[in-house]
């Protein structure tokens, strides 16, 4: 959704987990984090499952500083963990043909 310049409040289909603010009820409803994911892709899975029941909103009027270290770019073992978790995500939701995601993206894109 880079075409938006990230300067407006908007519903988005995917939220990065650098910082998330959500209700406990939402976590309870989706049974929390999927424990198959240790690191990387857990935020994609979580926001996707939350989006099935609630709006997932990008709010640009607050900023949080995240000290990005790029662990999976610096450490081979973290790269392996990253790769394994992305594979788990695609195994769960689909590799090339994720029809559900396509419908979500189309619905969100129409709002712009």
PDB file of N, CA and C in Angstrom:
ATOM      1  N   UNK A   1       0.826  -1.185   0.000  1.00  0.00           N
ATOM      2  CA  UNK A   1       0.000   0.000   0.000  1.00  0.00           C
ATOM      3  C   UNK A   1       0.870   1.249   0.000  1.00  0.00           C
ATOM      4  N   UNK A   2       2.016   1.131  -0.618  1.00  0.00           N
ATOM      5  CA  UNK A   2       2.951   2.258  -0.661  1.00  0.00           C
ATOM      6  C   UNK A   2       2.382   3.473  -1.391  1.00  0.00           C
ATOM      7  N   UNK A   3       1.421   3.248  -2.271  1.00  0.00           N
ATOM      8  CA  UNK A   3       0.828   4.347  -3.027  1.00  0.00           C
ATOM      9  C   UNK A   3       0.116   5.355  -2.135  1.00  0.00           C
ATOM     10  N   UNK A   4      -0.123   5.015  -0.870  1.00  0.00           N
ATOM     11  CA  UNK A   4      -0.814   5.922   0.042  1.00  0.00           C
ATOM     12  C   UNK A   4       0.137   6.900   0.727  1.00  0.00           C
ATOM     13  N   UNK A   5       1.414   6.696   0.617  1.00  0.00           N
ATOM     14  CA  UNK A   5       2.433   7.510   1.288  1.00  0.00           C
ATOM     15  C   UNK A   5       2.374   7.394   2.807  1.00  0.00           C
ATOM     16  N   UNK A   6       1.600   6.455   3.312  1.00  0.00           N
ATOM     17  CA  UNK A   6       1.510   6.210   4.758  1.00  0.00           C
ATOM     18  C   UNK A   6       1.188   7.472   5.549  1.00  0.00           C
ATOM     19  N   UNK A   7       0.323   8.318   5.019  1.00  0.00           N
ATOM     20  CA  UNK A   7       0.025   9.583   5.692  1.00  0.00           C
ATOM     21  C   UNK A   7      -1.431   9.702   6.113  1.00  0.00           C
ATOM     22  N   UNK A   8      -2.185   8.624   6.054  1.00  0.00           N
ATOM     23  CA  UNK A   8      -3.593   8.679   6.419  1.00  0.00           C
ATOM     24  C   UNK A   8      -3.989   7.448   7.224  1.00  0.00           C
ATOM     25  N   UNK A   9      -5.018   7.614   8.045  1.00  0.00           N
ATOM     26  CA  UNK A   9      -5.568   6.484   8.776  1.00  0.00           C
ATOM     27  C   UNK A   9      -6.262   5.598   7.749  1.00  0.00           C
ATOM     28  N   UNK A  10      -5.962   4.308   7.773  1.00  0.00           N
ATOM     29  CA  UNK A  10      -6.565   3.422   6.775  1.00  0.00           C
ATOM     30  C   UNK A  10      -6.625   1.993   7.285  1.00  0.00           C
ATOM     31  N   UNK A  11      -7.618   1.279   6.775  1.00  0.00           N
ATOM     32  CA  UNK A  11      -7.694  -0.152   7.039  1.00  0.00           C
ATOM     33  C   UNK A  11      -6.713  -0.834   6.097  1.00  0.00           C
ATOM     34  N   UNK A  12      -5.914  -1.724   6.653  1.00  0.00           N
ATOM     35  CA  UNK A  12      -4.903  -2.426   5.858  1.00  0.00           C
ATOM     36  C   UNK A  12      -5.015  -3.931   6.111  1.00  0.00           C
ATOM     37  N   UNK A  13      -4.666  -4.735   5.122  1.00  0.00           N
ATOM     38  CA  UNK A  13      -4.794  -6.182   5.295  1.00  0.00           C
ATOM     39  C   UNK A  13      -3.630  -6.830   6.041  1.00  0.00           C
ATOM     40  N   UNK A  14      -2.538  -6.103   6.194  1.00  0.00           N
ATOM     41  CA  UNK A  14      -1.350  -6.669   6.829  1.00  0.00           C
ATOM     42  C   UNK A  14      -0.687  -5.595   7.678  1.00  0.00           C
ATOM     43  N   UNK A  15      -0.339  -5.952   8.881  1.00  0.00           N
ATOM     44  CA  UNK A  15       0.350  -5.019   9.771  1.00  0.00           C
ATOM     45  C   UNK A  15       1.665  -5.631  10.220  1.00  0.00           C
ATOM     46  N   UNK A  16       2.713  -4.851  10.169  1.00  0.00           N
ATOM     47  CA  UNK A  16       4.011  -5.302  10.639  1.00  0.00           C
ATOM     48  C   UNK A  16       4.028  -5.276  12.161  1.00  0.00           C
ATOM     49  N   UNK A  17       4.651  -6.273  12.738  1.00  0.00           N
ATOM     50  CA  UNK A  17       4.615  -6.419  14.188  1.00  0.00           C
ATOM     51  C   UNK A  17       5.640  -5.638  14.966  1.00  0.00           C
ATOM     52  N   UNK A  18       6.270  -4.648  14.357  1.00  0.00           N
ATOM     53  CA  UNK A  18       7.205  -3.833  15.126  1.00  0.00           C
ATOM     54  C   UNK A  18       6.516  -3.279  16.363  1.00  0.00           C
ATOM     55  N   UNK A  19       5.278  -2.860  16.204  1.00  0.00           N
ATOM     56  CA  UNK A  19       4.484  -2.397  17.336  1.00  0.00           C
ATOM     57  C   UNK A  19       3.018  -2.577  16.989  1.00  0.00           C
ATOM     58  N   UNK A  20       2.301  -3.285  17.833  1.00  0.00           N
ATOM     59  CA  UNK A  20       0.865  -3.478  17.630  1.00  0.00           C
ATOM     60  C   UNK A  20       0.150  -3.111  18.913  1.00  0.00           C
ATOM     61  N   UNK A  21      -0.973  -2.482  18.740  1.00  0.00           N
ATOM     62  CA  UNK A  21      -1.816  -2.101  19.862  1.00  0.00           C
ATOM     63  C   UNK A  21      -3.171  -2.740  19.588  1.00  0.00           C
ATOM     64  N   UNK A  22      -3.574  -3.680  20.450  1.00  0.00           N
ATOM     65  CA  UNK A  22      -4.832  -4.376  20.187  1.00  0.00           C
ATOM     66  C   UNK A  22      -5.511  -4.781  21.480  1.00  0.00           C
ATOM     67  N   UNK A  23      -6.766  -5.126  21.333  1.00  0.00           N
ATOM     68  CA  UNK A  23      -7.562  -5.526  22.490  1.00  0.00           C
ATOM     69  C   UNK A  23      -7.289  -6.982  22.878  1.00  0.00           C
ATOM     70  N   UNK A  24      -7.346  -7.235  24.175  1.00  0.00           N
ATOM     71  CA  UNK A  24      -7.196  -8.619  24.649  1.00  0.00           C
ATOM     72  C   UNK A  24      -8.293  -9.502  24.078  1.00  0.00           C
ATOM     73  N   UNK A  25      -9.495  -8.941  23.934  1.00  0.00           N
ATOM     74  CA  UNK A  25     -10.607  -9.721  23.391  1.00  0.00           C
ATOM     75  C   UNK A  25     -10.300 -10.226  21.979  1.00  0.00           C
ATOM     76  N   UNK A  26      -9.603  -9.405  21.201  1.00  0.00           N
ATOM     77  CA  UNK A  26      -9.240  -9.821  19.840  1.00  0.00           C
ATOM     78  C   UNK A  26      -8.269 -10.996  19.899  1.00  0.00           C
ATOM     79  N   UNK A  27      -7.282 -10.910  20.787  1.00  0.00           N
ATOM     80  CA  UNK A  27      -6.337 -12.027  20.941  1.00  0.00           C
ATOM     81  C   UNK A  27      -7.040 -13.287  21.423  1.00  0.00           C
ATOM     82  N   UNK A  28      -7.961 -13.121  22.345  1.00  0.00           N
ATOM     83  CA  UNK A  28      -8.702 -14.284  22.851  1.00  0.00           C
ATOM     84  C   UNK A  28      -9.542 -14.918  21.742  1.00  0.00           C
ATOM     85  N   UNK A  29     -10.204 -14.080  20.961  1.00  0.00           N
ATOM     86  CA  UNK A  29     -11.092 -14.580  19.915  1.00  0.00           C
ATOM     87  C   UNK A  29     -10.345 -15.439  18.893  1.00  0.00           C
ATOM     88  N   UNK A  30      -9.107 -15.074  18.595  1.00  0.00           N
ATOM     89  CA  UNK A  30      -8.338 -15.833  17.600  1.00  0.00           C
ATOM     90  C   UNK A  30      -7.382 -16.825  18.262  1.00  0.00           C
ATOM     91  N   UNK A  31      -7.505 -16.979  19.562  1.00  0.00           N
ATOM     92  CA  UNK A  31      -6.663 -17.897  20.356  1.00  0.00           C
ATOM     93  C   UNK A  31      -5.195 -17.495  20.359  1.00  0.00           C
ATOM     94  N   UNK A  32      -4.929 -16.203  20.314  1.00  0.00           N
ATOM     95  CA  UNK A  32      -3.561 -15.689  20.463  1.00  0.00           C
ATOM     96  C   UNK A  32      -2.651 -16.019  19.300  1.00  0.00           C
ATOM     97  N   UNK A  33      -1.372 -15.952  19.580  1.00  0.00           N
ATOM     98  CA  UNK A  33      -0.361 -16.239  18.572  1.00  0.00           C
ATOM     99  C   UNK A  33      -0.373 -17.725  18.211  1.00  0.00           C
ATOM    100  N   UNK A  34      -0.066 -18.014  16.974  1.00  0.00           N
ATOM    101  CA  UNK A  34       0.107 -19.399  16.532  1.00  0.00           C
ATOM    102  C   UNK A  34       1.505 -19.818  16.972  1.00  0.00           C
ATOM    103  N   UNK A  35       1.583 -20.781  17.854  1.00  0.00           N
ATOM    104  CA  UNK A  35       2.864 -21.158  18.450  1.00  0.00           C
ATOM    105  C   UNK A  35       3.819 -21.857  17.489  1.00  0.00           C
ATOM    106  N   UNK A  36       3.355 -22.143  16.283  1.00  0.00           N
ATOM    107  CA  UNK A  36       4.261 -22.723  15.280  1.00  0.00           C
ATOM    108  C   UNK A  36       5.303 -21.704  14.824  1.00  0.00           C
ATOM    109  N   UNK A  37       4.986 -20.427  14.980  1.00  0.00           N
ATOM    110  CA  UNK A  37       5.898 -19.370  14.550  1.00  0.00           C
ATOM    111  C   UNK A  37       6.679 -18.862  15.751  1.00  0.00           C
ATOM    112  N   UNK A  38       7.993 -18.995  15.697  1.00  0.00           N
ATOM    113  CA  UNK A  38       8.839 -18.475  16.774  1.00  0.00           C
ATOM    114  C   UNK A  38       9.112 -16.992  16.538  1.00  0.00           C
ATOM    115  N   UNK A  39       9.530 -16.683  15.356  1.00  0.00           N
ATOM    116  CA  UNK A  39       9.902 -15.319  15.009  1.00  0.00           C
ATOM    117  C   UNK A  39       9.698 -15.164  13.514  1.00  0.00           C
ATOM    118  N   UNK A  40       9.381 -13.977  13.092  1.00  0.00           N
ATOM    119  CA  UNK A  40       9.170 -13.700  11.671  1.00  0.00           C
ATOM    120  C   UNK A  40       7.920 -14.426  11.183  1.00  0.00           C
ATOM    121  N   UNK A  41       7.039 -13.714  10.580  1.00  0.00           N
ATOM    122  CA  UNK A  41       5.765 -14.210  10.034  1.00  0.00           C
ATOM    123  C   UNK A  41       4.679 -14.338  11.095  1.00  0.00           C
ATOM    124  N   UNK A  42       5.015 -14.295  12.368  1.00  0.00           N
ATOM    125  CA  UNK A  42       3.969 -14.368  13.387  1.00  0.00           C
ATOM    126  C   UNK A  42       3.082 -13.137  13.337  1.00  0.00           C
ATOM    127  N   UNK A  43       3.641 -11.991  12.976  1.00  0.00           N
ATOM    128  CA  UNK A  43       2.847 -10.768  12.872  1.00  0.00           C
ATOM    129  C   UNK A  43       1.922 -10.808  11.667  1.00  0.00           C
ATOM    130  N   UNK A  44       2.378 -11.387  10.571  1.00  0.00           N
ATOM    131  CA  UNK A  44       1.548 -11.524   9.373  1.00  0.00           C
ATOM    132  C   UNK A  44       0.365 -12.431   9.691  1.00  0.00           C
ATOM    133  N   UNK A  45       0.649 -13.564  10.286  1.00  0.00           N
ATOM    134  CA  UNK A  45      -0.400 -14.518  10.636  1.00  0.00           C
ATOM    135  C   UNK A  45      -1.377 -13.911  11.634  1.00  0.00           C
ATOM    136  N   UNK A  46      -0.872 -13.263  12.662  1.00  0.00           N
ATOM    137  CA  UNK A  46      -1.723 -12.676  13.696  1.00  0.00           C
ATOM    138  C   UNK A  46      -2.646 -11.613  13.113  1.00  0.00           C
ATOM    139  N   UNK A  47      -2.087 -10.672  12.353  1.00  0.00           N
ATOM    140  CA  UNK A  47      -2.925  -9.596  11.813  1.00  0.00           C
ATOM    141  C   UNK A  47      -3.915 -10.140  10.792  1.00  0.00           C
ATOM    142  N   UNK A  48      -3.530 -11.161  10.070  1.00  0.00           N
ATOM    143  CA  UNK A  48      -4.459 -11.762   9.107  1.00  0.00           C
ATOM    144  C   UNK A  48      -5.644 -12.402   9.821  1.00  0.00           C
ATOM    145  N   UNK A  49      -5.376 -13.131  10.891  1.00  0.00           N
ATOM    146  CA  UNK A  49      -6.462 -13.775  11.630  1.00  0.00           C
ATOM    147  C   UNK A  49      -7.335 -12.754  12.342  1.00  0.00           C
ATOM    148  N   UNK A  50      -6.742 -11.693  12.866  1.00  0.00           N
ATOM    149  CA  UNK A  50      -7.523 -10.629  13.496  1.00  0.00           C
ATOM    150  C   UNK A  50      -8.405  -9.946  12.454  1.00  0.00           C
ATOM    151  N   UNK A  51      -7.849  -9.721  11.269  1.00  0.00           N
ATOM    152  CA  UNK A  51      -8.590  -9.043  10.197  1.00  0.00           C
ATOM    153  C   UNK A  51      -9.851  -9.816   9.781  1.00  0.00           C
ATOM    154  N   UNK A  52      -9.900 -11.102  10.041  1.00  0.00           N
ATOM    155  CA  UNK A  52     -11.096 -11.881   9.723  1.00  0.00           C
ATOM    156  C   UNK A  52     -12.284 -11.486  10.601  1.00  0.00           C
ATOM    157  N   UNK A  53     -12.029 -10.856  11.756  1.00  0.00           N
ATOM    158  CA  UNK A  53     -13.084 -10.507  12.704  1.00  0.00           C
ATOM    159  C   UNK A  53     -13.190  -9.014  12.994  1.00  0.00           C
ATOM    160  N   UNK A  54     -12.105  -8.286  12.787  1.00  0.00           N
ATOM    161  CA  UNK A  54     -12.041  -6.872  13.151  1.00  0.00           C
ATOM    162  C   UNK A  54     -11.364  -6.090  12.026  1.00  0.00           C
ATOM    163  N   UNK A  55     -11.459  -4.779  12.122  1.00  0.00           N
ATOM    164  CA  UNK A  55     -10.685  -3.949  11.207  1.00  0.00           C
ATOM    165  C   UNK A  55      -9.253  -3.898  11.713  1.00  0.00           C
ATOM    166  N   UNK A  56      -8.314  -3.930  10.812  1.00  0.00           N
ATOM    167  CA  UNK A  56      -6.906  -3.740  11.152  1.00  0.00           C
ATOM    168  C   UNK A  56      -6.507  -2.392  10.563  1.00  0.00           C
ATOM    169  N   UNK A  57      -6.133  -1.485  11.438  1.00  0.00           N
ATOM    170  CA  UNK A  57      -5.973  -0.082  11.067  1.00  0.00           C
ATOM    171  C   UNK A  57      -4.519   0.357  11.172  1.00  0.00           C
ATOM    172  N   UNK A  58      -4.078   1.072  10.167  1.00  0.00           N
ATOM    173  CA  UNK A  58      -2.790   1.763  10.201  1.00  0.00           C
ATOM    174  C   UNK A  58      -3.072   3.180  10.680  1.00  0.00           C
ATOM    175  N   UNK A  59      -2.355   3.613  11.709  1.00  0.00           N
ATOM    176  CA  UNK A  59      -2.564   4.929  12.309  1.00  0.00           C
ATOM    177  C   UNK A  59      -1.247   5.698  12.264  1.00  0.00           C
ATOM    178  N   UNK A  60      -1.135   6.681  11.357  1.00  0.00           N
ATOM    179  CA  UNK A  60       0.156   7.335  11.120  1.00  0.00           C
ATOM    180  C   UNK A  60       0.500   8.489  12.065  1.00  0.00           C
ATOM    181  N   UNK A  61      -0.396   8.826  12.989  1.00  0.00           N
ATOM    182  CA  UNK A  61      -0.171  10.022  13.810  1.00  0.00           C
ATOM    183  C   UNK A  61       0.623   9.760  15.090  1.00  0.00           C
ATOM    184  N   UNK A  62       1.129   8.568  15.227  1.00  0.00           N
ATOM    185  CA  UNK A  62       1.977   8.206  16.354  1.00  0.00           C
ATOM    186  C   UNK A  62       3.170   7.461  15.778  1.00  0.00           C
ATOM    187  N   UNK A  63       4.327   7.680  16.360  1.00  0.00           N
ATOM    188  CA  UNK A  63       5.478   6.916  15.880  1.00  0.00           C
ATOM    189  C   UNK A  63       6.139   6.194  17.044  1.00  0.00           C
ATOM    190  N   UNK A  64       6.629   5.036  16.750  1.00  0.00           N
ATOM    191  CA  UNK A  64       7.345   4.192  17.710  1.00  0.00           C
ATOM    192  C   UNK A  64       8.695   3.901  17.064  1.00  0.00           C
ATOM    193  N   UNK A  65       9.757   4.023  17.813  1.00  0.00           N
ATOM    194  CA  UNK A  65      11.078   3.740  17.268  1.00  0.00           C
ATOM    195  C   UNK A  65      11.408   2.275  17.493  1.00  0.00           C
ATOM    196  N   UNK A  66      11.741   1.607  16.412  1.00  0.00           N
ATOM    197  CA  UNK A  66      12.114   0.199  16.469  1.00  0.00           C
ATOM    198  C   UNK A  66      13.568   0.098  16.037  1.00  0.00           C
ATOM    199  N   UNK A  67      14.395  -0.401  16.895  1.00  0.00           N
ATOM    200  CA  UNK A  67      15.817  -0.545  16.579  1.00  0.00           C
ATOM    201  C   UNK A  67      16.002  -1.767  15.699  1.00  0.00           C
ATOM    202  N   UNK A  68      15.884  -1.569  14.421  1.00  0.00           N
ATOM    203  CA  UNK A  68      16.009  -2.650  13.442  1.00  0.00           C
ATOM    204  C   UNK A  68      17.446  -3.129  13.401  1.00  0.00           C
ATOM    205  N   UNK A  69      17.642  -4.388  13.730  1.00  0.00           N
ATOM    206  CA  UNK A  69      19.008  -4.923  13.698  1.00  0.00           C
ATOM    207  C   UNK A  69      19.236  -5.845  12.517  1.00  0.00           C
ATOM    208  N   UNK A  70      18.154  -6.268  11.871  1.00  0.00           N
ATOM    209  CA  UNK A  70      18.316  -7.135  10.711  1.00  0.00           C
ATOM    210  C   UNK A  70      19.012  -8.441  11.049  1.00  0.00           C
ATOM    211  N   UNK A  71      18.585  -9.069  12.122  1.00  0.00           N
ATOM    212  CA  UNK A  71      19.248 -10.285  12.600  1.00  0.00           C
ATOM    213  C   UNK A  71      19.378 -11.353  11.532  1.00  0.00           C
ATOM    214  N   UNK A  72      18.315 -11.532  10.742  1.00  0.00           N
ATOM    215  CA  UNK A  72      18.367 -12.608   9.752  1.00  0.00           C
ATOM    216  C   UNK A  72      19.288 -12.276   8.581  1.00  0.00           C
ATOM    217  N   UNK A  73      19.723 -11.022   8.505  1.00  0.00           N
ATOM    218  CA  UNK A  73      20.695 -10.638   7.474  1.00  0.00           C
ATOM    219  C   UNK A  73      22.133 -10.769   7.985  1.00  0.00           C
ATOM    220  N   UNK A  74      22.274 -10.835   9.296  1.00  0.00           N
ATOM    221  CA  UNK A  74      23.608 -10.864   9.894  1.00  0.00           C
ATOM    222  C   UNK A  74      24.002 -12.239  10.443  1.00  0.00           C
ATOM    223  N   UNK A  75      23.006 -13.048  10.745  1.00  0.00           N
ATOM    224  CA  UNK A  75      23.273 -14.340  11.388  1.00  0.00           C
ATOM    225  C   UNK A  75      22.657 -15.461  10.561  1.00  0.00           C
ATOM    226  N   UNK A  76      23.460 -16.439  10.207  1.00  0.00           N
ATOM    227  CA  UNK A  76      22.951 -17.548   9.409  1.00  0.00           C
ATOM    228  C   UNK A  76      21.872 -18.320  10.167  1.00  0.00           C
ATOM    229  N   UNK A  77      22.034 -18.500  11.471  1.00  0.00           N
ATOM    230  CA  UNK A  77      21.029 -19.242  12.238  1.00  0.00           C
ATOM    231  C   UNK A  77      19.700 -18.481  12.268  1.00  0.00           C
ATOM    232  N   UNK A  78      19.748 -17.142  12.364  1.00  0.00           N
ATOM    233  CA  UNK A  78      18.517 -16.352  12.322  1.00  0.00           C
ATOM    234  C   UNK A  78      17.907 -16.368  10.917  1.00  0.00           C
ATOM    235  N   UNK A  79      18.752 -16.428   9.907  1.00  0.00           N
ATOM    236  CA  UNK A  79      18.261 -16.547   8.537  1.00  0.00           C
ATOM    237  C   UNK A  79      17.483 -17.860   8.366  1.00  0.00           C
ATOM    238  N   UNK A  80      18.005 -18.936   8.942  1.00  0.00           N
ATOM    239  CA  UNK A  80      17.327 -20.236   8.871  1.00  0.00           C
ATOM    240  C   UNK A  80      15.973 -20.165   9.585  1.00  0.00           C
ATOM    241  N   UNK A  81      15.943 -19.550  10.770  1.00  0.00           N
ATOM    242  CA  UNK A  81      14.682 -19.394  11.516  1.00  0.00           C
ATOM    243  C   UNK A  81      13.690 -18.572  10.701  1.00  0.00           C
ATOM    244  N   UNK A  82      14.161 -17.489  10.107  1.00  0.00           N
ATOM    245  CA  UNK A  82      13.311 -16.634   9.276  1.00  0.00           C
ATOM    246  C   UNK A  82      12.726 -17.450   8.126  1.00  0.00           C
ATOM    247  N   UNK A  83      13.559 -18.159   7.430  1.00  0.00           N
ATOM    248  CA  UNK A  83      13.136 -18.967   6.283  1.00  0.00           C
ATOM    249  C   UNK A  83      12.134 -20.036   6.707  1.00  0.00           C
ATOM    250  N   UNK A  84      12.411 -20.728   7.797  1.00  0.00           N
ATOM    251  CA  UNK A  84      11.506 -21.774   8.281  1.00  0.00           C
ATOM    252  C   UNK A  84      10.127 -21.204   8.603  1.00  0.00           C
ATOM    253  N   UNK A  85      10.093 -20.031   9.227  1.00  0.00           N
ATOM    254  CA  UNK A  85       8.814 -19.450   9.613  1.00  0.00           C
ATOM    255  C   UNK A  85       8.031 -18.921   8.424  1.00  0.00           C
ATOM    256  N   UNK A  86       8.704 -18.402   7.434  1.00  0.00           N
ATOM    257  CA  UNK A  86       8.009 -17.970   6.217  1.00  0.00           C
ATOM    258  C   UNK A  86       7.440 -19.191   5.487  1.00  0.00           C
ATOM    259  N   UNK A  87       8.188 -20.279   5.457  1.00  0.00           N
ATOM    260  CA  UNK A  87       7.682 -21.520   4.851  1.00  0.00           C
ATOM    261  C   UNK A  87       6.449 -22.013   5.611  1.00  0.00           C
ATOM    262  N   UNK A  88       6.486 -21.955   6.943  1.00  0.00           N
ATOM    263  CA  UNK A  88       5.329 -22.358   7.750  1.00  0.00           C
ATOM    264  C   UNK A  88       4.111 -21.492   7.421  1.00  0.00           C
ATOM    265  N   UNK A  89       4.348 -20.190   7.252  1.00  0.00           N
ATOM    266  CA  UNK A  89       3.243 -19.289   6.911  1.00  0.00           C
ATOM    267  C   UNK A  89       2.609 -19.690   5.581  1.00  0.00           C
ATOM    268  N   UNK A  90       3.428 -19.886   4.557  1.00  0.00           N
ATOM    269  CA  UNK A  90       2.889 -20.239   3.244  1.00  0.00           C
ATOM    270  C   UNK A  90       2.268 -21.635   3.250  1.00  0.00           C
ATOM    271  N   UNK A  91       2.814 -22.539   4.029  1.00  0.00           N
ATOM    272  CA  UNK A  91       2.185 -23.854   4.154  1.00  0.00           C
ATOM    273  C   UNK A  91       0.797 -23.740   4.787  1.00  0.00           C
ATOM    274  N   UNK A  92       0.657 -22.816   5.701  1.00  0.00           N
ATOM    275  CA  UNK A  92      -0.625 -22.618   6.385  1.00  0.00           C
ATOM    276  C   UNK A  92      -1.648 -21.937   5.484  1.00  0.00           C
ATOM    277  N   UNK A  93      -1.231 -20.887   4.786  1.00  0.00           N
ATOM    278  CA  UNK A  93      -2.180 -20.048   4.064  1.00  0.00           C
ATOM    279  C   UNK A  93      -2.177 -20.246   2.547  1.00  0.00           C
ATOM    280  N   UNK A  94      -1.175 -20.839   2.002  1.00  0.00           N
ATOM    281  CA  UNK A  94      -1.116 -21.030   0.554  1.00  0.00           C
ATOM    282  C   UNK A  94       0.105 -20.357  -0.030  1.00  0.00           C
ATOM    283  N   UNK A  95       0.641 -20.951  -1.067  1.00  0.00           N
ATOM    284  CA  UNK A  95       1.860 -20.429  -1.680  1.00  0.00           C
ATOM    285  C   UNK A  95       1.541 -19.457  -2.798  1.00  0.00           C
ATOM    286  N   UNK A  96       1.141 -19.934  -3.941  1.00  0.00           N
ATOM    287  CA  UNK A  96       0.903 -19.048  -5.081  1.00  0.00           C
ATOM    288  C   UNK A  96      -0.541 -18.589  -5.180  1.00  0.00           C
ATOM    289  N   UNK A  97      -1.452 -19.441  -4.766  1.00  0.00           N
ATOM    290  CA  UNK A  97      -2.869 -19.138  -4.937  1.00  0.00           C
ATOM    291  C   UNK A  97      -3.549 -19.000  -3.585  1.00  0.00           C
ATOM    292  N   UNK A  98      -3.501 -17.823  -3.054  1.00  0.00           N
ATOM    293  CA  UNK A  98      -4.129 -17.513  -1.772  1.00  0.00           C
ATOM    294  C   UNK A  98      -5.372 -16.681  -2.097  1.00  0.00           C
ATOM    295  N   UNK A  99      -6.457 -17.356  -2.438  1.00  0.00           N
ATOM    296  CA  UNK A  99      -7.673 -16.688  -2.891  1.00  0.00           C
ATOM    297  C   UNK A  99      -8.251 -15.776  -1.807  1.00  0.00           C
ATOM    298  N   UNK A 100      -8.188 -16.233  -0.574  1.00  0.00           N
ATOM    299  CA  UNK A 100      -8.699 -15.432   0.542  1.00  0.00           C
ATOM    300  C   UNK A 100      -7.952 -14.098   0.643  1.00  0.00           C
ATOM    301  N   UNK A 101      -6.627 -14.146   0.549  1.00  0.00           N
ATOM    302  CA  UNK A 101      -5.813 -12.924   0.615  1.00  0.00           C
ATOM    303  C   UNK A 101      -6.119 -12.012  -0.573  1.00  0.00           C
ATOM    304  N   UNK A 102      -6.307 -12.597  -1.743  1.00  0.00           N
ATOM    305  CA  UNK A 102      -6.615 -11.802  -2.935  1.00  0.00           C
ATOM    306  C   UNK A 102      -7.925 -11.032  -2.738  1.00  0.00           C
ATOM    307  N   UNK A 103      -8.934 -11.686  -2.173  1.00  0.00           N
ATOM    308  CA  UNK A 103     -10.224 -11.024  -1.921  1.00  0.00           C
ATOM    309  C   UNK A 103     -10.083  -9.910  -0.890  1.00  0.00           C
ATOM    310  N   UNK A 104      -9.310 -10.166   0.160  1.00  0.00           N
ATOM    311  CA  UNK A 104      -9.074  -9.137   1.188  1.00  0.00           C
ATOM    312  C   UNK A 104      -8.393  -7.931   0.556  1.00  0.00           C
ATOM    313  N   UNK A 105      -7.352  -8.168  -0.230  1.00  0.00           N
ATOM    314  CA  UNK A 105      -6.624  -7.072  -0.868  1.00  0.00           C
ATOM    315  C   UNK A 105      -7.522  -6.277  -1.805  1.00  0.00           C
ATOM    316  N   UNK A 106      -8.375  -6.955  -2.585  1.00  0.00           N
ATOM    317  CA  UNK A 106      -9.270  -6.271  -3.499  1.00  0.00           C
ATOM    318  C   UNK A 106     -10.265  -5.398  -2.731  1.00  0.00           C
ATOM    319  N   UNK A 107     -10.811  -5.931  -1.649  1.00  0.00           N
ATOM    320  CA  UNK A 107     -11.772  -5.180  -0.844  1.00  0.00           C
ATOM    321  C   UNK A 107     -11.131  -3.911  -0.268  1.00  0.00           C
ATOM    322  N   UNK A 108      -9.943  -4.033   0.282  1.00  0.00           N
ATOM    323  CA  UNK A 108      -9.243  -2.889   0.880  1.00  0.00           C
ATOM    324  C   UNK A 108      -8.862  -1.879  -0.187  1.00  0.00           C
ATOM    325  N   UNK A 109      -8.351  -2.334  -1.306  1.00  0.00           N
ATOM    326  CA  UNK A 109      -7.891  -1.431  -2.374  1.00  0.00           C
ATOM    327  C   UNK A 109      -9.040  -0.609  -2.933  1.00  0.00           C
ATOM    328  N   UNK A 110     -10.255  -1.156  -2.958  1.00  0.00           N
ATOM    329  CA  UNK A 110     -11.412  -0.413  -3.476  1.00  0.00           C
ATOM    330  C   UNK A 110     -11.752   0.811  -2.630  1.00  0.00           C
ATOM    331  N   UNK A 111     -11.293   0.842  -1.392  1.00  0.00           N
ATOM    332  CA  UNK A 111     -11.617   1.975  -0.522  1.00  0.00           C
ATOM    333  C   UNK A 111     -10.796   3.214  -0.854  1.00  0.00           C
ATOM    334  N   UNK A 112      -9.812   3.092  -1.744  1.00  0.00           N
ATOM    335  CA  UNK A 112      -8.967   4.233  -2.087  1.00  0.00           C
ATOM    336  C   UNK A 112      -9.342   4.839  -3.407  1.00  0.00           C
TER     337      UNK A 112
END
